[in-house]
Amino acid sequence: MSFFQMPTPVAARRLFLGRSGLLLSGAAVALLAGKDVLAAKTGGAGAGDVQILNTALGAELEAIAAYQVGADSKLLEKPVLDLAVTFQGHHKAHADLLAQTVAKLGGKAVSAKAKYDFPLEQLKSQADVLRFAARLEQGAVSAYLGAVPLFGNRDLSKAAASILGDEAMHWAVLRQALGEAPVPSAFVS
C-alpha cells in the first residue's frame, strides 16, 4: 500500500485490531464494525450515521465515568487531577454534542451505563491511573479514525475528525505526564 492509498475499511479494522493490545470497550469495537454492517442493520446511511453517533456517545460516556474513577481514586496529585477534570469536561462536551446531533437526526441518544467494568484493582498509583486513561484515549483515537470515513453525512465526518484531534491531544499529554514520548510515531493508527 502506498503512502497516499488508504486501506479499505475492512483492512483498516483488521490492521488495528490485529496490532492492538488495548482495552477497547465494546462500543469502540462496534464503532469499527463498518458501514456495511451498520447499513444492513439500520436500513440506510442516515440511520447508520445515528448508530455510529450513538456508539461514539456511549464511548464518551464511558470516558466520563473513567475520568471520574481517576478523580475519585485519591491517587492523583493536584496538577494531574486538574488535568483529568479538564479532559473529563472535554468528554462531557463531546457527549452533549453527540446526543444533540442524534436527536436532531431523529434518533434516541444512548444513556450512560449504571456500571462500567474498569480494572479498579490495577489502579494503585498515579502512574497506573495515567496509563489507564492513556489506553482509553488511544482507543478513542483509533475508534474515531475508523468512524470518520463511515459517515454518510460528510459534515459528521468533519465533527468526528475534530473530536479525534482532541482525543489525540489527550493521549499525547497523558503520555508526556508518564514520561513517555508524547507523539510515538508520525502517523496515528
N, C-alpha and C. Protein backbone atom coordinates (compact mmCIF):
# COMPACT_ATOMS: atom_id res chain seq x y z
N MET A 1 0.85 -1.16 0.00
CA MET A 1 0.00 0.00 0.00
C MET A 1 0.90 1.23 0.00
N SER A 2 0.65 2.17 -0.90
CA SER A 2 1.45 3.39 -0.97
C SER A 2 1.05 4.35 0.14
N PHE A 3 1.86 5.37 0.35
CA PHE A 3 1.61 6.36 1.39
C PHE A 3 0.24 7.01 1.23
N PHE A 4 -0.17 7.31 0.00
CA PHE A 4 -1.41 8.04 -0.23
C PHE A 4 -2.61 7.13 -0.38
N GLN A 5 -2.41 5.83 -0.42
CA GLN A 5 -3.52 4.91 -0.57
C GLN A 5 -4.05 4.53 0.80
N MET A 6 -5.31 4.81 1.05
CA MET A 6 -5.93 4.46 2.33
C MET A 6 -6.36 3.00 2.28
N PRO A 7 -6.21 2.27 3.37
CA PRO A 7 -6.69 0.90 3.39
C PRO A 7 -8.21 0.88 3.33
N THR A 8 -8.76 -0.22 2.85
CA THR A 8 -10.21 -0.36 2.87
C THR A 8 -10.65 -0.38 4.32
N PRO A 9 -11.92 -0.08 4.60
CA PRO A 9 -12.37 -0.12 6.00
C PRO A 9 -12.12 -1.48 6.66
N VAL A 10 -12.34 -2.55 5.93
CA VAL A 10 -12.12 -3.89 6.50
C VAL A 10 -10.64 -4.09 6.80
N ALA A 11 -9.76 -3.70 5.88
CA ALA A 11 -8.32 -3.84 6.09
C ALA A 11 -7.86 -2.97 7.26
N ALA A 12 -8.39 -1.77 7.36
CA ALA A 12 -8.02 -0.87 8.45
C ALA A 12 -8.42 -1.46 9.79
N ARG A 13 -9.63 -2.01 9.88
CA ARG A 13 -10.08 -2.62 11.13
C ARG A 13 -9.21 -3.82 11.49
N ARG A 14 -8.90 -4.66 10.49
CA ARG A 14 -8.06 -5.83 10.77
C ARG A 14 -6.68 -5.40 11.25
N LEU A 15 -6.12 -4.39 10.58
CA LEU A 15 -4.80 -3.88 10.97
C LEU A 15 -4.85 -3.37 12.40
N PHE A 16 -5.86 -2.58 12.71
CA PHE A 16 -5.98 -2.01 14.06
C PHE A 16 -6.18 -3.10 15.10
N LEU A 17 -7.16 -3.96 14.88
CA LEU A 17 -7.47 -4.98 15.86
C LEU A 17 -6.33 -5.99 16.00
N GLY A 18 -5.63 -6.24 14.92
CA GLY A 18 -4.51 -7.18 14.96
C GLY A 18 -3.32 -6.65 15.73
N ARG A 19 -3.11 -5.33 15.73
CA ARG A 19 -1.95 -4.74 16.39
C ARG A 19 -2.24 -4.30 17.81
N SER A 20 -3.49 -4.15 18.17
CA SER A 20 -3.77 -3.51 19.46
C SER A 20 -3.81 -4.52 20.59
N GLY A 21 -3.30 -4.09 21.69
CA GLY A 21 -3.47 -4.80 22.94
C GLY A 21 -4.26 -3.90 23.86
N LEU A 22 -5.08 -3.04 23.27
CA LEU A 22 -5.80 -2.02 24.01
C LEU A 22 -6.96 -2.59 24.78
N LEU A 23 -7.36 -1.85 25.79
CA LEU A 23 -8.60 -2.14 26.49
C LEU A 23 -9.70 -1.41 25.76
N LEU A 24 -10.18 -1.97 24.66
CA LEU A 24 -11.24 -1.31 23.91
C LEU A 24 -12.59 -1.72 24.47
N SER A 25 -13.44 -0.74 24.62
CA SER A 25 -14.79 -1.05 25.08
C SER A 25 -15.55 -1.71 23.94
N GLY A 26 -16.63 -2.34 24.28
CA GLY A 26 -17.49 -2.90 23.26
C GLY A 26 -17.98 -1.82 22.31
N ALA A 27 -18.18 -0.62 22.83
CA ALA A 27 -18.63 0.49 21.99
C ALA A 27 -17.58 0.85 20.96
N ALA A 28 -16.32 0.88 21.35
CA ALA A 28 -15.27 1.23 20.40
C ALA A 28 -15.16 0.17 19.32
N VAL A 29 -15.26 -1.10 19.70
CA VAL A 29 -15.19 -2.17 18.71
C VAL A 29 -16.38 -2.08 17.77
N ALA A 30 -17.56 -1.81 18.30
CA ALA A 30 -18.74 -1.68 17.46
C ALA A 30 -18.62 -0.52 16.50
N LEU A 31 -17.99 0.56 16.94
CA LEU A 31 -17.79 1.72 16.09
C LEU A 31 -16.94 1.35 14.89
N LEU A 32 -16.05 0.39 15.07
CA LEU A 32 -15.18 -0.03 13.99
C LEU A 32 -15.81 -1.12 13.12
N ALA A 33 -17.04 -1.50 13.41
CA ALA A 33 -17.67 -2.63 12.73
C ALA A 33 -17.84 -2.39 11.23
N GLY A 34 -18.04 -1.16 10.82
CA GLY A 34 -18.07 -0.87 9.40
C GLY A 34 -19.41 -0.40 8.89
N LYS A 35 -19.35 0.36 7.83
CA LYS A 35 -20.54 0.94 7.21
C LYS A 35 -21.47 -0.14 6.67
N ASP A 36 -20.89 -1.20 6.09
CA ASP A 36 -21.72 -2.25 5.53
C ASP A 36 -22.57 -2.92 6.60
N VAL A 37 -22.00 -3.16 7.76
CA VAL A 37 -22.75 -3.77 8.85
C VAL A 37 -23.81 -2.81 9.36
N LEU A 38 -23.44 -1.54 9.53
CA LEU A 38 -24.39 -0.55 10.02
C LEU A 38 -25.56 -0.39 9.06
N ALA A 39 -25.28 -0.31 7.77
CA ALA A 39 -26.33 -0.14 6.78
C ALA A 39 -27.27 -1.34 6.79
N ALA A 40 -26.73 -2.52 6.92
CA ALA A 40 -27.56 -3.71 6.92
C ALA A 40 -28.48 -3.73 8.13
N LYS A 41 -27.99 -3.28 9.27
CA LYS A 41 -28.79 -3.31 10.48
C LYS A 41 -29.80 -2.17 10.55
N THR A 42 -29.50 -1.03 9.94
CA THR A 42 -30.35 0.14 10.14
C THR A 42 -31.11 0.57 8.90
N GLY A 43 -30.79 0.01 7.75
CA GLY A 43 -31.55 0.30 6.56
C GLY A 43 -31.15 1.55 5.81
N GLY A 44 -30.02 2.15 6.07
CA GLY A 44 -29.61 3.30 5.28
C GLY A 44 -28.56 4.14 5.96
N ALA A 45 -28.01 5.07 5.18
CA ALA A 45 -26.90 5.89 5.67
C ALA A 45 -27.34 6.78 6.83
N GLY A 46 -28.54 7.37 6.77
CA GLY A 46 -28.98 8.25 7.85
C GLY A 46 -29.09 7.51 9.17
N ALA A 47 -29.72 6.35 9.14
CA ALA A 47 -29.83 5.55 10.35
C ALA A 47 -28.46 5.03 10.77
N GLY A 48 -27.61 4.70 9.80
CA GLY A 48 -26.25 4.26 10.11
C GLY A 48 -25.46 5.35 10.81
N ASP A 49 -25.64 6.58 10.34
CA ASP A 49 -24.96 7.71 10.98
C ASP A 49 -25.41 7.85 12.44
N VAL A 50 -26.69 7.68 12.69
CA VAL A 50 -27.20 7.77 14.06
C VAL A 50 -26.59 6.66 14.91
N GLN A 51 -26.46 5.47 14.36
CA GLN A 51 -25.89 4.36 15.12
C GLN A 51 -24.41 4.63 15.42
N ILE A 52 -23.67 5.15 14.46
CA ILE A 52 -22.26 5.48 14.70
C ILE A 52 -22.17 6.56 15.78
N LEU A 53 -23.01 7.58 15.69
CA LEU A 53 -23.01 8.65 16.69
C LEU A 53 -23.34 8.11 18.08
N ASN A 54 -24.32 7.23 18.15
CA ASN A 54 -24.70 6.66 19.45
C ASN A 54 -23.57 5.78 20.01
N THR A 55 -22.86 5.08 19.14
CA THR A 55 -21.73 4.29 19.60
C THR A 55 -20.64 5.20 20.14
N ALA A 56 -20.37 6.29 19.43
CA ALA A 56 -19.39 7.27 19.90
C ALA A 56 -19.86 7.90 21.21
N LEU A 57 -21.14 8.20 21.32
CA LEU A 57 -21.69 8.75 22.55
C LEU A 57 -21.48 7.78 23.71
N GLY A 58 -21.73 6.50 23.49
CA GLY A 58 -21.51 5.50 24.53
C GLY A 58 -20.05 5.49 24.99
N ALA A 59 -19.13 5.61 24.04
CA ALA A 59 -17.71 5.64 24.39
C ALA A 59 -17.35 6.90 25.17
N GLU A 60 -17.96 8.04 24.80
CA GLU A 60 -17.70 9.29 25.53
C GLU A 60 -18.25 9.20 26.95
N LEU A 61 -19.41 8.60 27.11
CA LEU A 61 -19.98 8.44 28.45
C LEU A 61 -19.09 7.52 29.31
N GLU A 62 -18.51 6.51 28.67
CA GLU A 62 -17.58 5.62 29.37
C GLU A 62 -16.33 6.41 29.80
N ALA A 63 -15.84 7.29 28.93
CA ALA A 63 -14.67 8.10 29.26
C ALA A 63 -14.96 9.04 30.43
N ILE A 64 -16.14 9.63 30.45
CA ILE A 64 -16.53 10.50 31.57
C ILE A 64 -16.48 9.71 32.87
N ALA A 65 -17.03 8.50 32.84
CA ALA A 65 -17.03 7.65 34.04
C ALA A 65 -15.60 7.25 34.43
N ALA A 66 -14.76 6.98 33.43
CA ALA A 66 -13.38 6.58 33.71
C ALA A 66 -12.61 7.72 34.37
N TYR A 67 -12.78 8.94 33.85
CA TYR A 67 -12.10 10.07 34.48
C TYR A 67 -12.63 10.33 35.88
N GLN A 68 -13.90 10.02 36.13
CA GLN A 68 -14.44 10.17 37.47
C GLN A 68 -13.77 9.17 38.42
N VAL A 69 -13.57 7.96 37.93
CA VAL A 69 -12.86 6.95 38.73
C VAL A 69 -11.47 7.47 39.09
N GLY A 70 -10.77 8.03 38.12
CA GLY A 70 -9.44 8.59 38.38
C GLY A 70 -9.49 9.73 39.39
N ALA A 71 -10.47 10.60 39.23
CA ALA A 71 -10.60 11.75 40.14
C ALA A 71 -10.93 11.30 41.56
N ASP A 72 -11.76 10.28 41.68
CA ASP A 72 -12.18 9.79 43.00
C ASP A 72 -11.14 8.87 43.64
N SER A 73 -10.14 8.46 42.90
CA SER A 73 -9.18 7.47 43.39
C SER A 73 -8.28 7.99 44.50
N LYS A 74 -8.16 9.29 44.63
CA LYS A 74 -7.25 9.91 45.61
C LYS A 74 -5.78 9.61 45.29
N LEU A 75 -5.52 9.11 44.09
CA LEU A 75 -4.16 8.78 43.68
C LEU A 75 -3.50 9.91 42.88
N LEU A 76 -4.29 10.90 42.45
CA LEU A 76 -3.78 11.94 41.57
C LEU A 76 -3.36 13.18 42.34
N GLU A 77 -2.16 13.65 42.06
CA GLU A 77 -1.70 14.91 42.64
C GLU A 77 -2.49 16.05 42.01
N LYS A 78 -2.53 17.19 42.67
CA LYS A 78 -3.37 18.32 42.26
C LYS A 78 -3.24 18.69 40.78
N PRO A 79 -2.05 18.89 40.21
CA PRO A 79 -2.00 19.27 38.79
C PRO A 79 -2.54 18.19 37.86
N VAL A 80 -2.30 16.93 38.21
CA VAL A 80 -2.79 15.82 37.39
C VAL A 80 -4.31 15.68 37.56
N LEU A 81 -4.79 15.88 38.76
CA LEU A 81 -6.23 15.85 39.00
C LEU A 81 -6.92 16.95 38.19
N ASP A 82 -6.35 18.15 38.19
CA ASP A 82 -6.91 19.25 37.40
C ASP A 82 -6.96 18.89 35.92
N LEU A 83 -5.91 18.25 35.43
CA LEU A 83 -5.86 17.83 34.04
C LEU A 83 -6.95 16.79 33.75
N ALA A 84 -7.10 15.83 34.64
CA ALA A 84 -8.13 14.80 34.47
C ALA A 84 -9.53 15.41 34.43
N VAL A 85 -9.79 16.36 35.30
CA VAL A 85 -11.09 17.01 35.33
C VAL A 85 -11.31 17.83 34.03
N THR A 86 -10.25 18.45 33.54
CA THR A 86 -10.35 19.19 32.27
C THR A 86 -10.69 18.24 31.13
N PHE A 87 -9.97 17.11 31.05
CA PHE A 87 -10.25 16.13 30.00
C PHE A 87 -11.65 15.56 30.13
N GLN A 88 -12.09 15.33 31.36
CA GLN A 88 -13.46 14.85 31.58
C GLN A 88 -14.46 15.88 31.04
N GLY A 89 -14.17 17.17 31.25
CA GLY A 89 -15.03 18.22 30.71
C GLY A 89 -15.09 18.19 29.19
N HIS A 90 -13.96 17.88 28.55
CA HIS A 90 -13.97 17.75 27.08
C HIS A 90 -14.89 16.60 26.66
N HIS A 91 -14.79 15.48 27.37
CA HIS A 91 -15.64 14.33 27.03
C HIS A 91 -17.11 14.66 27.28
N LYS A 92 -17.40 15.44 28.30
CA LYS A 92 -18.79 15.86 28.53
C LYS A 92 -19.28 16.73 27.37
N ALA A 93 -18.42 17.62 26.88
CA ALA A 93 -18.80 18.47 25.74
C ALA A 93 -19.02 17.61 24.49
N HIS A 94 -18.14 16.61 24.27
CA HIS A 94 -18.34 15.71 23.14
C HIS A 94 -19.67 14.97 23.27
N ALA A 95 -19.93 14.45 24.48
CA ALA A 95 -21.17 13.69 24.71
C ALA A 95 -22.40 14.56 24.48
N ASP A 96 -22.37 15.80 24.96
CA ASP A 96 -23.50 16.70 24.75
C ASP A 96 -23.76 16.94 23.27
N LEU A 97 -22.69 17.21 22.53
CA LEU A 97 -22.83 17.46 21.09
C LEU A 97 -23.35 16.22 20.37
N LEU A 98 -22.81 15.06 20.70
CA LEU A 98 -23.24 13.83 20.06
C LEU A 98 -24.71 13.54 20.36
N ALA A 99 -25.14 13.72 21.62
CA ALA A 99 -26.53 13.47 21.99
C ALA A 99 -27.47 14.43 21.26
N GLN A 100 -27.08 15.70 21.17
CA GLN A 100 -27.90 16.68 20.45
C GLN A 100 -28.00 16.33 18.97
N THR A 101 -26.90 15.87 18.40
CA THR A 101 -26.90 15.52 16.98
C THR A 101 -27.78 14.30 16.72
N VAL A 102 -27.68 13.30 17.59
CA VAL A 102 -28.54 12.12 17.46
C VAL A 102 -30.01 12.56 17.47
N ALA A 103 -30.37 13.44 18.40
CA ALA A 103 -31.75 13.91 18.49
C ALA A 103 -32.16 14.67 17.23
N LYS A 104 -31.27 15.53 16.72
CA LYS A 104 -31.58 16.29 15.50
C LYS A 104 -31.81 15.38 14.31
N LEU A 105 -31.13 14.23 14.31
CA LEU A 105 -31.30 13.28 13.21
C LEU A 105 -32.47 12.33 13.44
N GLY A 106 -33.23 12.55 14.52
CA GLY A 106 -34.42 11.76 14.78
C GLY A 106 -34.17 10.50 15.58
N GLY A 107 -32.97 10.35 16.14
CA GLY A 107 -32.66 9.17 16.92
C GLY A 107 -32.84 9.41 18.40
N LYS A 108 -32.66 8.36 19.16
CA LYS A 108 -32.71 8.44 20.62
C LYS A 108 -31.30 8.18 21.14
N ALA A 109 -30.77 9.15 21.86
CA ALA A 109 -29.42 9.05 22.38
C ALA A 109 -29.31 7.96 23.46
N VAL A 110 -28.21 7.23 23.42
CA VAL A 110 -27.96 6.22 24.44
C VAL A 110 -27.65 6.91 25.77
N SER A 111 -27.83 6.17 26.84
CA SER A 111 -27.54 6.68 28.19
C SER A 111 -26.29 6.01 28.72
N ALA A 112 -25.72 6.61 29.75
CA ALA A 112 -24.57 6.01 30.42
C ALA A 112 -25.00 4.71 31.09
N LYS A 113 -24.08 3.77 31.16
CA LYS A 113 -24.35 2.53 31.86
C LYS A 113 -24.38 2.81 33.36
N ALA A 114 -25.08 1.99 34.09
CA ALA A 114 -25.11 2.12 35.54
C ALA A 114 -23.74 1.77 36.14
N LYS A 115 -23.02 0.87 35.49
CA LYS A 115 -21.70 0.44 35.98
C LYS A 115 -20.83 0.05 34.80
N TYR A 116 -19.56 0.42 34.86
CA TYR A 116 -18.58 0.05 33.85
C TYR A 116 -17.59 -0.93 34.46
N ASP A 117 -17.03 -1.78 33.62
CA ASP A 117 -16.09 -2.79 34.08
C ASP A 117 -14.66 -2.27 33.94
N PHE A 118 -14.27 -1.35 34.83
CA PHE A 118 -12.92 -0.79 34.82
C PHE A 118 -12.01 -1.64 35.69
N PRO A 119 -10.72 -1.70 35.36
CA PRO A 119 -9.77 -2.51 36.14
C PRO A 119 -9.34 -1.82 37.44
N LEU A 120 -10.28 -1.58 38.32
CA LEU A 120 -10.02 -0.81 39.55
C LEU A 120 -8.91 -1.42 40.40
N GLU A 121 -8.86 -2.74 40.43
CA GLU A 121 -7.84 -3.41 41.25
C GLU A 121 -6.42 -3.15 40.75
N GLN A 122 -6.29 -2.70 39.51
CA GLN A 122 -4.97 -2.42 38.94
C GLN A 122 -4.54 -0.96 39.14
N LEU A 123 -5.41 -0.13 39.66
CA LEU A 123 -5.11 1.28 39.85
C LEU A 123 -4.60 1.52 41.27
N LYS A 124 -3.27 1.47 41.40
CA LYS A 124 -2.66 1.59 42.72
C LYS A 124 -1.76 2.81 42.87
N SER A 125 -1.54 3.51 41.77
CA SER A 125 -0.67 4.69 41.80
C SER A 125 -1.15 5.70 40.75
N GLN A 126 -0.62 6.89 40.84
CA GLN A 126 -0.94 7.92 39.84
C GLN A 126 -0.56 7.42 38.44
N ALA A 127 0.60 6.79 38.32
CA ALA A 127 1.04 6.28 37.01
C ALA A 127 0.05 5.25 36.47
N ASP A 128 -0.49 4.40 37.33
CA ASP A 128 -1.48 3.41 36.89
C ASP A 128 -2.71 4.10 36.31
N VAL A 129 -3.17 5.13 36.99
CA VAL A 129 -4.36 5.87 36.53
C VAL A 129 -4.05 6.54 35.20
N LEU A 130 -2.87 7.13 35.08
CA LEU A 130 -2.48 7.79 33.83
C LEU A 130 -2.38 6.79 32.68
N ARG A 131 -1.81 5.61 32.94
CA ARG A 131 -1.71 4.57 31.89
C ARG A 131 -3.10 4.12 31.46
N PHE A 132 -3.98 3.94 32.42
CA PHE A 132 -5.37 3.54 32.13
C PHE A 132 -6.03 4.59 31.24
N ALA A 133 -5.91 5.85 31.62
CA ALA A 133 -6.51 6.93 30.83
C ALA A 133 -5.87 7.02 29.45
N ALA A 134 -4.55 6.85 29.37
CA ALA A 134 -3.86 6.93 28.08
C ALA A 134 -4.33 5.81 27.15
N ARG A 135 -4.53 4.60 27.68
CA ARG A 135 -5.03 3.49 26.84
C ARG A 135 -6.43 3.79 26.33
N LEU A 136 -7.27 4.35 27.20
CA LEU A 136 -8.63 4.70 26.76
C LEU A 136 -8.60 5.77 25.67
N GLU A 137 -7.74 6.78 25.85
CA GLU A 137 -7.64 7.84 24.84
C GLU A 137 -7.08 7.29 23.52
N GLN A 138 -6.10 6.39 23.61
CA GLN A 138 -5.57 5.78 22.40
C GLN A 138 -6.67 5.00 21.68
N GLY A 139 -7.47 4.27 22.44
CA GLY A 139 -8.60 3.55 21.86
C GLY A 139 -9.61 4.49 21.22
N ALA A 140 -9.85 5.64 21.85
CA ALA A 140 -10.78 6.63 21.29
C ALA A 140 -10.25 7.19 19.98
N VAL A 141 -8.95 7.47 19.93
CA VAL A 141 -8.33 7.96 18.69
C VAL A 141 -8.56 6.95 17.57
N SER A 142 -8.26 5.70 17.85
CA SER A 142 -8.42 4.66 16.83
C SER A 142 -9.88 4.49 16.41
N ALA A 143 -10.79 4.55 17.37
CA ALA A 143 -12.21 4.40 17.06
C ALA A 143 -12.71 5.54 16.18
N TYR A 144 -12.37 6.78 16.54
CA TYR A 144 -12.80 7.91 15.71
C TYR A 144 -12.14 7.85 14.34
N LEU A 145 -10.89 7.44 14.28
CA LEU A 145 -10.21 7.31 13.00
C LEU A 145 -10.95 6.32 12.11
N GLY A 146 -11.41 5.23 12.70
CA GLY A 146 -12.18 4.25 11.94
C GLY A 146 -13.56 4.75 11.56
N ALA A 147 -14.14 5.64 12.36
CA ALA A 147 -15.50 6.12 12.11
C ALA A 147 -15.57 7.22 11.06
N VAL A 148 -14.56 8.06 11.00
CA VAL A 148 -14.61 9.23 10.11
C VAL A 148 -15.04 8.88 8.68
N PRO A 149 -14.45 7.87 8.04
CA PRO A 149 -14.85 7.59 6.66
C PRO A 149 -16.19 6.87 6.52
N LEU A 150 -16.78 6.45 7.62
CA LEU A 150 -18.01 5.66 7.56
C LEU A 150 -19.28 6.48 7.49
N PHE A 151 -19.22 7.75 7.86
CA PHE A 151 -20.43 8.57 7.88
C PHE A 151 -20.95 8.83 6.47
N GLY A 152 -22.26 8.70 6.30
CA GLY A 152 -22.88 9.08 5.04
C GLY A 152 -22.90 10.60 4.90
N ASN A 153 -23.09 11.29 5.99
CA ASN A 153 -23.10 12.76 6.01
C ASN A 153 -21.68 13.24 6.28
N ARG A 154 -21.07 13.88 5.31
CA ARG A 154 -19.66 14.29 5.42
C ARG A 154 -19.45 15.35 6.51
N ASP A 155 -20.47 16.13 6.84
CA ASP A 155 -20.34 17.09 7.94
C ASP A 155 -20.11 16.36 9.27
N LEU A 156 -20.71 15.19 9.40
CA LEU A 156 -20.49 14.39 10.61
C LEU A 156 -19.06 13.87 10.65
N SER A 157 -18.51 13.57 9.48
CA SER A 157 -17.11 13.15 9.41
C SER A 157 -16.19 14.25 9.92
N LYS A 158 -16.49 15.49 9.53
CA LYS A 158 -15.68 16.62 9.99
C LYS A 158 -15.76 16.77 11.51
N ALA A 159 -16.96 16.64 12.05
CA ALA A 159 -17.14 16.76 13.50
C ALA A 159 -16.39 15.64 14.23
N ALA A 160 -16.48 14.42 13.70
CA ALA A 160 -15.77 13.29 14.32
C ALA A 160 -14.26 13.51 14.24
N ALA A 161 -13.79 14.07 13.13
CA ALA A 161 -12.35 14.34 12.99
C ALA A 161 -11.89 15.39 14.01
N SER A 162 -12.75 16.36 14.29
CA SER A 162 -12.43 17.36 15.30
C SER A 162 -12.30 16.73 16.68
N ILE A 163 -13.21 15.83 17.01
CA ILE A 163 -13.14 15.12 18.29
C ILE A 163 -11.90 14.22 18.30
N LEU A 164 -11.61 13.57 17.18
CA LEU A 164 -10.41 12.73 17.08
C LEU A 164 -9.16 13.54 17.44
N GLY A 165 -9.07 14.77 16.94
CA GLY A 165 -7.93 15.63 17.25
C GLY A 165 -7.81 15.89 18.74
N ASP A 166 -8.93 16.13 19.39
CA ASP A 166 -8.91 16.37 20.84
C ASP A 166 -8.47 15.12 21.59
N GLU A 167 -8.98 13.96 21.17
CA GLU A 167 -8.60 12.70 21.82
C GLU A 167 -7.10 12.45 21.65
N ALA A 168 -6.57 12.76 20.46
CA ALA A 168 -5.14 12.58 20.22
C ALA A 168 -4.31 13.50 21.11
N MET A 169 -4.78 14.72 21.33
CA MET A 169 -4.06 15.62 22.24
C MET A 169 -4.10 15.08 23.66
N HIS A 170 -5.25 14.56 24.09
CA HIS A 170 -5.33 13.96 25.43
C HIS A 170 -4.29 12.85 25.56
N TRP A 171 -4.25 11.98 24.57
CA TRP A 171 -3.34 10.84 24.61
C TRP A 171 -1.88 11.33 24.69
N ALA A 172 -1.55 12.34 23.90
CA ALA A 172 -0.18 12.88 23.91
C ALA A 172 0.18 13.47 25.27
N VAL A 173 -0.74 14.24 25.85
CA VAL A 173 -0.47 14.87 27.14
C VAL A 173 -0.32 13.80 28.22
N LEU A 174 -1.14 12.78 28.19
CA LEU A 174 -1.04 11.71 29.19
C LEU A 174 0.27 10.95 29.04
N ARG A 175 0.69 10.71 27.81
CA ARG A 175 1.98 10.05 27.58
C ARG A 175 3.11 10.92 28.14
N GLN A 176 3.03 12.22 27.90
CA GLN A 176 4.04 13.15 28.41
C GLN A 176 4.08 13.09 29.94
N ALA A 177 2.91 13.07 30.56
CA ALA A 177 2.84 13.01 32.02
C ALA A 177 3.46 11.73 32.57
N LEU A 178 3.44 10.67 31.77
CA LEU A 178 4.04 9.40 32.16
C LEU A 178 5.54 9.35 31.87
N GLY A 179 6.07 10.42 31.26
CA GLY A 179 7.48 10.43 30.90
C GLY A 179 7.77 9.71 29.60
N GLU A 180 6.73 9.43 28.83
CA GLU A 180 6.89 8.77 27.53
C GLU A 180 6.90 9.81 26.43
N ALA A 181 7.38 9.41 25.26
CA ALA A 181 7.34 10.31 24.10
C ALA A 181 5.87 10.65 23.84
N PRO A 182 5.52 11.94 23.83
CA PRO A 182 4.11 12.28 23.67
C PRO A 182 3.54 11.88 22.31
N VAL A 183 4.35 11.90 21.29
CA VAL A 183 3.90 11.50 19.95
C VAL A 183 4.82 10.38 19.51
N PRO A 184 4.39 9.12 19.70
CA PRO A 184 5.28 7.99 19.48
C PRO A 184 5.60 7.69 18.03
N SER A 185 4.79 8.19 17.09
CA SER A 185 5.08 7.94 15.68
C SER A 185 4.50 9.08 14.84
N ALA A 186 4.87 9.07 13.57
CA ALA A 186 4.44 10.14 12.67
C ALA A 186 3.00 9.98 12.21
N PHE A 187 2.39 8.81 12.44
CA PHE A 187 1.04 8.55 11.99
C PHE A 187 0.21 7.96 13.11
N VAL A 188 -1.06 8.28 13.13
CA VAL A 188 -1.99 7.73 14.11
C VAL A 188 -2.66 6.53 13.47
N SER A 189 -2.74 5.44 14.22
CA SER A 189 -3.45 4.26 13.70
C SER A 189 -4.35 3.71 14.77
